[in-house]
Amino acid sequence: MTAKVGDKRPPPTERGTTVLRGLTTTSFFADDLDAAATWYTELFGIEPYFTVPGGYVEYRIGDYEHEFGIVKSDYAPHDTHTGPAGAITYWAVDDLQATLDRLTELGATPHDAPTVRGEGYVTASVVDPFGNVLGIMANAHYHATLARMTTTATT
């Protein structure tokens, strides 16, 4: 299949109900959350916009306000002490359970069960057949940002 300039793809709602909507959050892990928050605050030049005391900090970075989170290692779904802590990129989905079901039907194995991370946030992850961790998230912020961007683009 060859793509041509000007090809039109159907809107996401016409491509299925479990489509990966867009990148929502990349999570890094750190034993010392305070030190990591200080380091990334210095790097980004901004304060975190969202915090869970003792467990999580999150920044909005870049042109599209992508979310970059740091999770205290105690809450990581994997051992972060046997090598690099790794990162999990979460894709925004409309229906977390339907997407999780579809991924496992396709051969992915559970990594982290659906977990409520706060009001409006539920995450889960799987390991694809090739050993990669794929995160999915129902994320209220993603939909609010999308709505704002859509409204701004049309006004």
C-alpha atoms as a PDB file:
ATOM      1  CA  MET A   1       0.000   0.000   0.000  1.00  0.00           C
ATOM      2  CA  THR A   2       1.342   3.405  -0.944  1.00  0.00           C
ATOM      3  CA  ALA A   3       0.125   6.573   0.719  1.00  0.00           C
ATOM      4  CA  LYS A   4      -0.554   9.554  -1.497  1.00  0.00           C
ATOM      5  CA  VAL A   5      -0.492  13.199  -0.542  1.00  0.00           C
ATOM      6  CA  GLY A   6      -4.014  14.267   0.240  1.00  0.00           C
ATOM      7  CA  ASP A   7      -5.257  10.799   1.225  1.00  0.00           C
ATOM      8  CA  LYS A   8      -8.093  11.118   3.695  1.00  0.00           C
ATOM      9  CA  ARG A   9      -8.433   8.751   6.617  1.00  0.00           C
ATOM     10  CA  PRO A  10     -11.834   8.262   8.181  1.00  0.00           C
ATOM     11  CA  PRO A  11     -12.321   9.910  11.569  1.00  0.00           C
ATOM     12  CA  PRO A  12     -11.256   7.782  14.565  1.00  0.00           C
ATOM     13  CA  THR A  13     -14.863   6.941  15.420  1.00  0.00           C
ATOM     14  CA  GLU A  14     -15.244   5.260  12.028  1.00  0.00           C
ATOM     15  CA  ARG A  15     -12.046   3.224  12.391  1.00  0.00           C
ATOM     16  CA  GLY A  16     -13.182   1.200  15.402  1.00  0.00           C
ATOM     17  CA  THR A  17     -13.929   1.708  19.056  1.00  0.00           C
ATOM     18  CA  THR A  18     -10.549   0.725  20.482  1.00  0.00           C
ATOM     19  CA  VAL A  19      -8.271   2.955  18.451  1.00  0.00           C
ATOM     20  CA  LEU A  20      -5.212   4.499  20.090  1.00  0.00           C
ATOM     21  CA  ARG A  21      -6.187   8.183  20.154  1.00  0.00           C
ATOM     22  CA  GLY A  22      -2.870   9.847  20.897  1.00  0.00           C
ATOM     23  CA  LEU A  23       0.017   9.887  23.295  1.00  0.00           C
ATOM     24  CA  THR A  24      -1.123  11.010  26.697  1.00  0.00           C
ATOM     25  CA  THR A  25       1.521  10.413  29.373  1.00  0.00           C
ATOM     26  CA  THR A  26       5.083   9.156  29.537  1.00  0.00           C
ATOM     27  CA  SER A  27       5.946   7.922  33.027  1.00  0.00           C
ATOM     28  CA  PHE A  28       9.461   7.628  34.399  1.00  0.00           C
ATOM     29  CA  PHE A  29      10.251   6.083  37.767  1.00  0.00           C
ATOM     30  CA  ALA A  30      12.475   7.332  40.606  1.00  0.00           C
ATOM     31  CA  ASP A  31      13.318   6.092  44.103  1.00  0.00           C
ATOM     32  CA  ASP A  32      13.711   9.683  45.292  1.00  0.00           C
ATOM     33  CA  LEU A  33      10.655  11.453  43.915  1.00  0.00           C
ATOM     34  CA  ASP A  34      11.576  14.812  45.453  1.00  0.00           C
ATOM     35  CA  ALA A  35      15.059  14.780  43.906  1.00  0.00           C
ATOM     36  CA  ALA A  36      13.624  13.747  40.537  1.00  0.00           C
ATOM     37  CA  ALA A  37      10.994  16.496  40.688  1.00  0.00           C
ATOM     38  CA  THR A  38      13.684  19.049  41.506  1.00  0.00           C
ATOM     39  CA  TRP A  39      15.874  17.818  38.636  1.00  0.00           C
ATOM     40  CA  TYR A  40      13.068  17.823  36.037  1.00  0.00           C
ATOM     41  CA  THR A  41      11.736  21.170  37.256  1.00  0.00           C
ATOM     42  CA  GLU A  42      15.194  22.567  36.582  1.00  0.00           C
ATOM     43  CA  LEU A  43      15.397  20.833  33.203  1.00  0.00           C
ATOM     44  CA  PHE A  44      11.954  21.955  32.001  1.00  0.00           C
ATOM     45  CA  GLY A  45      12.023  25.374  33.651  1.00  0.00           C
ATOM     46  CA  ILE A  46       8.484  24.893  34.998  1.00  0.00           C
ATOM     47  CA  GLU A  47       6.844  23.508  38.118  1.00  0.00           C
ATOM     48  CA  PRO A  48       4.712  20.357  37.960  1.00  0.00           C
ATOM     49  CA  TYR A  49       1.043  21.129  37.344  1.00  0.00           C
ATOM     50  CA  PHE A  50      -0.225  17.987  39.098  1.00  0.00           C
ATOM     51  CA  THR A  51       1.097  16.173  42.159  1.00  0.00           C
ATOM     52  CA  VAL A  52       0.139  13.272  44.377  1.00  0.00           C
ATOM     53  CA  PRO A  53       2.183  13.844  47.545  1.00  0.00           C
ATOM     54  CA  GLY A  54       4.810  11.145  47.999  1.00  0.00           C
ATOM     55  CA  GLY A  55       3.843   9.284  44.839  1.00  0.00           C
ATOM     56  CA  TYR A  56       3.669  11.247  41.609  1.00  0.00           C
ATOM     57  CA  VAL A  57       4.431  14.535  39.867  1.00  0.00           C
ATOM     58  CA  GLU A  58       3.405  15.548  36.368  1.00  0.00           C
ATOM     59  CA  TYR A  59       4.384  18.276  33.942  1.00  0.00           C
ATOM     60  CA  ARG A  60       2.849  19.467  30.675  1.00  0.00           C
ATOM     61  CA  ILE A  61       5.685  19.913  28.217  1.00  0.00           C
ATOM     62  CA  GLY A  62       6.242  20.694  24.569  1.00  0.00           C
ATOM     63  CA  ASP A  63       4.144  22.261  21.865  1.00  0.00           C
ATOM     64  CA  TYR A  64       1.215  19.925  22.468  1.00  0.00           C
ATOM     65  CA  GLU A  65       1.371  19.978  26.279  1.00  0.00           C
ATOM     66  CA  HIS A  66       2.280  16.288  26.458  1.00  0.00           C
ATOM     67  CA  GLU A  67       2.224  14.902  29.968  1.00  0.00           C
ATOM     68  CA  PHE A  68       5.498  13.770  31.520  1.00  0.00           C
ATOM     69  CA  GLY A  69       5.063  12.037  34.858  1.00  0.00           C
ATOM     70  CA  ILE A  70       7.465  10.766  37.486  1.00  0.00           C
ATOM     71  CA  VAL A  71       6.219   7.896  39.657  1.00  0.00           C
ATOM     72  CA  LYS A  72       7.849   6.903  42.940  1.00  0.00           C
ATOM     73  CA  SER A  73       9.504   3.544  42.222  1.00  0.00           C
ATOM     74  CA  ASP A  74       7.521   1.874  45.023  1.00  0.00           C
ATOM     75  CA  TYR A  75       4.461   2.135  42.755  1.00  0.00           C
ATOM     76  CA  ALA A  76       6.071   0.841  39.553  1.00  0.00           C
ATOM     77  CA  PRO A  77       4.462  -2.278  38.052  1.00  0.00           C
ATOM     78  CA  HIS A  78       7.942  -3.745  37.566  1.00  0.00           C
ATOM     79  CA  ASP A  79      11.237  -3.928  39.447  1.00  0.00           C
ATOM     80  CA  THR A  80      13.121  -0.729  38.705  1.00  0.00           C
ATOM     81  CA  HIS A  81      16.235  -1.804  40.610  1.00  0.00           C
ATOM     82  CA  THR A  82      17.540  -4.487  38.229  1.00  0.00           C
ATOM     83  CA  GLY A  83      18.460  -2.119  35.424  1.00  0.00           C
ATOM     84  CA  PRO A  84      17.185   1.046  33.835  1.00  0.00           C
ATOM     85  CA  ALA A  85      13.845   2.033  35.320  1.00  0.00           C
ATOM     86  CA  GLY A  86      12.302   2.260  31.883  1.00  0.00           C
ATOM     87  CA  ALA A  87       9.415   4.355  30.716  1.00  0.00           C
ATOM     88  CA  ILE A  88       5.825   3.528  29.907  1.00  0.00           C
ATOM     89  CA  THR A  89       4.112   5.661  27.315  1.00  0.00           C
ATOM     90  CA  TYR A  90       0.357   5.694  27.766  1.00  0.00           C
ATOM     91  CA  TRP A  91      -1.958   6.071  24.781  1.00  0.00           C
ATOM     92  CA  ALA A  92      -5.299   7.785  25.347  1.00  0.00           C
ATOM     93  CA  VAL A  93      -8.243   5.488  24.664  1.00  0.00           C
ATOM     94  CA  ASP A  94     -11.985   6.024  24.784  1.00  0.00           C
ATOM     95  CA  ASP A  95     -12.788   2.638  26.362  1.00  0.00           C
ATOM     96  CA  LEU A  96      -9.969   1.249  28.493  1.00  0.00           C
ATOM     97  CA  GLN A  97     -11.462  -2.205  29.077  1.00  0.00           C
ATOM     98  CA  ALA A  98     -12.432  -2.734  25.424  1.00  0.00           C
ATOM     99  CA  THR A  99      -8.943  -1.705  24.326  1.00  0.00           C
ATOM    100  CA  LEU A 100      -7.332  -3.970  26.931  1.00  0.00           C
ATOM    101  CA  ASP A 101      -9.518  -6.858  25.754  1.00  0.00           C
ATOM    102  CA  ARG A 102      -8.566  -6.225  22.128  1.00  0.00           C
ATOM    103  CA  LEU A 103      -4.849  -6.102  22.947  1.00  0.00           C
ATOM    104  CA  THR A 104      -4.984  -9.411  24.808  1.00  0.00           C
ATOM    105  CA  GLU A 105      -7.023 -10.959  21.987  1.00  0.00           C
ATOM    106  CA  LEU A 106      -4.171 -10.005  19.664  1.00  0.00           C
ATOM    107  CA  GLY A 107      -1.627 -11.786  21.863  1.00  0.00           C
ATOM    108  CA  ALA A 108      -0.458  -9.145  24.334  1.00  0.00           C
ATOM    109  CA  THR A 109      -0.042 -10.261  27.949  1.00  0.00           C
ATOM    110  CA  PRO A 110      -1.133  -8.283  31.015  1.00  0.00           C
ATOM    111  CA  HIS A 111       1.545  -6.124  32.618  1.00  0.00           C
ATOM    112  CA  ASP A 112      -0.354  -3.821  34.983  1.00  0.00           C
ATOM    113  CA  ALA A 113      -4.075  -4.333  35.650  1.00  0.00           C
ATOM    114  CA  PRO A 114      -6.456  -1.389  35.309  1.00  0.00           C
ATOM    115  CA  THR A 115      -5.651   0.973  38.163  1.00  0.00           C
ATOM    116  CA  VAL A 116      -7.398   4.188  39.161  1.00  0.00           C
ATOM    117  CA  ARG A 117      -4.656   6.819  39.443  1.00  0.00           C
ATOM    118  CA  GLY A 118      -6.902   9.684  40.463  1.00  0.00           C
ATOM    119  CA  GLU A 119     -10.228  11.206  39.518  1.00  0.00           C
ATOM    120  CA  GLY A 120     -10.572  10.850  35.751  1.00  0.00           C
ATOM    121  CA  TYR A 121      -7.488   8.644  35.281  1.00  0.00           C
ATOM    122  CA  VAL A 122      -7.328   4.895  34.845  1.00  0.00           C
ATOM    123  CA  THR A 123      -4.260   3.157  33.435  1.00  0.00           C
ATOM    124  CA  ALA A 124      -3.350  -0.349  32.365  1.00  0.00           C
ATOM    125  CA  SER A 125      -0.489  -1.833  30.392  1.00  0.00           C
ATOM    126  CA  VAL A 126       0.356  -4.949  28.441  1.00  0.00           C
ATOM    127  CA  VAL A 127       3.487  -6.506  27.023  1.00  0.00           C
ATOM    128  CA  ASP A 128       3.199  -6.909  23.280  1.00  0.00           C
ATOM    129  CA  PRO A 129       4.323 -10.157  21.638  1.00  0.00           C
ATOM    130  CA  PHE A 130       7.720  -8.547  21.045  1.00  0.00           C
ATOM    131  CA  GLY A 131       8.468  -7.665  24.671  1.00  0.00           C
ATOM    132  CA  ASN A 132       7.498  -3.978  24.610  1.00  0.00           C
ATOM    133  CA  VAL A 133       5.344  -2.423  27.322  1.00  0.00           C
ATOM    134  CA  LEU A 134       2.331  -0.593  25.881  1.00  0.00           C
ATOM    135  CA  GLY A 135       0.351   1.631  28.241  1.00  0.00           C
ATOM    136  CA  ILE A 136      -3.247   2.715  27.763  1.00  0.00           C
ATOM    137  CA  MET A 137      -5.114   5.339  29.738  1.00  0.00           C
ATOM    138  CA  ALA A 138      -8.590   6.738  30.147  1.00  0.00           C
ATOM    139  CA  ASN A 139      -7.575  10.329  30.802  1.00  0.00           C
ATOM    140  CA  ALA A 140      -9.886  13.260  31.511  1.00  0.00           C
ATOM    141  CA  HIS A 141      -7.074  15.768  30.844  1.00  0.00           C
ATOM    142  CA  TYR A 142      -6.490  14.355  27.358  1.00  0.00           C
ATOM    143  CA  HIS A 143     -10.117  14.844  26.370  1.00  0.00           C
ATOM    144  CA  ALA A 144     -10.245  18.342  27.909  1.00  0.00           C
ATOM    145  CA  THR A 145      -7.071  19.331  26.030  1.00  0.00           C
ATOM    146  CA  LEU A 146      -8.421  17.843  22.801  1.00  0.00           C
ATOM    147  CA  ALA A 147     -11.693  19.735  23.210  1.00  0.00           C
ATOM    148  CA  ARG A 148      -9.824  22.986  23.908  1.00  0.00           C
ATOM    149  CA  MET A 149      -7.546  22.502  20.888  1.00  0.00           C
ATOM    150  CA  THR A 150     -10.504  21.659  18.660  1.00  0.00           C
ATOM    151  CA  THR A 151     -12.459  24.690  19.876  1.00  0.00           C
ATOM    152  CA  THR A 152      -9.423  26.967  19.463  1.00  0.00           C
ATOM    153  CA  ALA A 153      -8.765  25.638  15.958  1.00  0.00           C
ATOM    154  CA  THR A 154     -12.338  26.303  14.830  1.00  0.00           C
ATOM    155  CA  THR A 155     -12.806  29.766  16.336  1.00  0.00           C
END
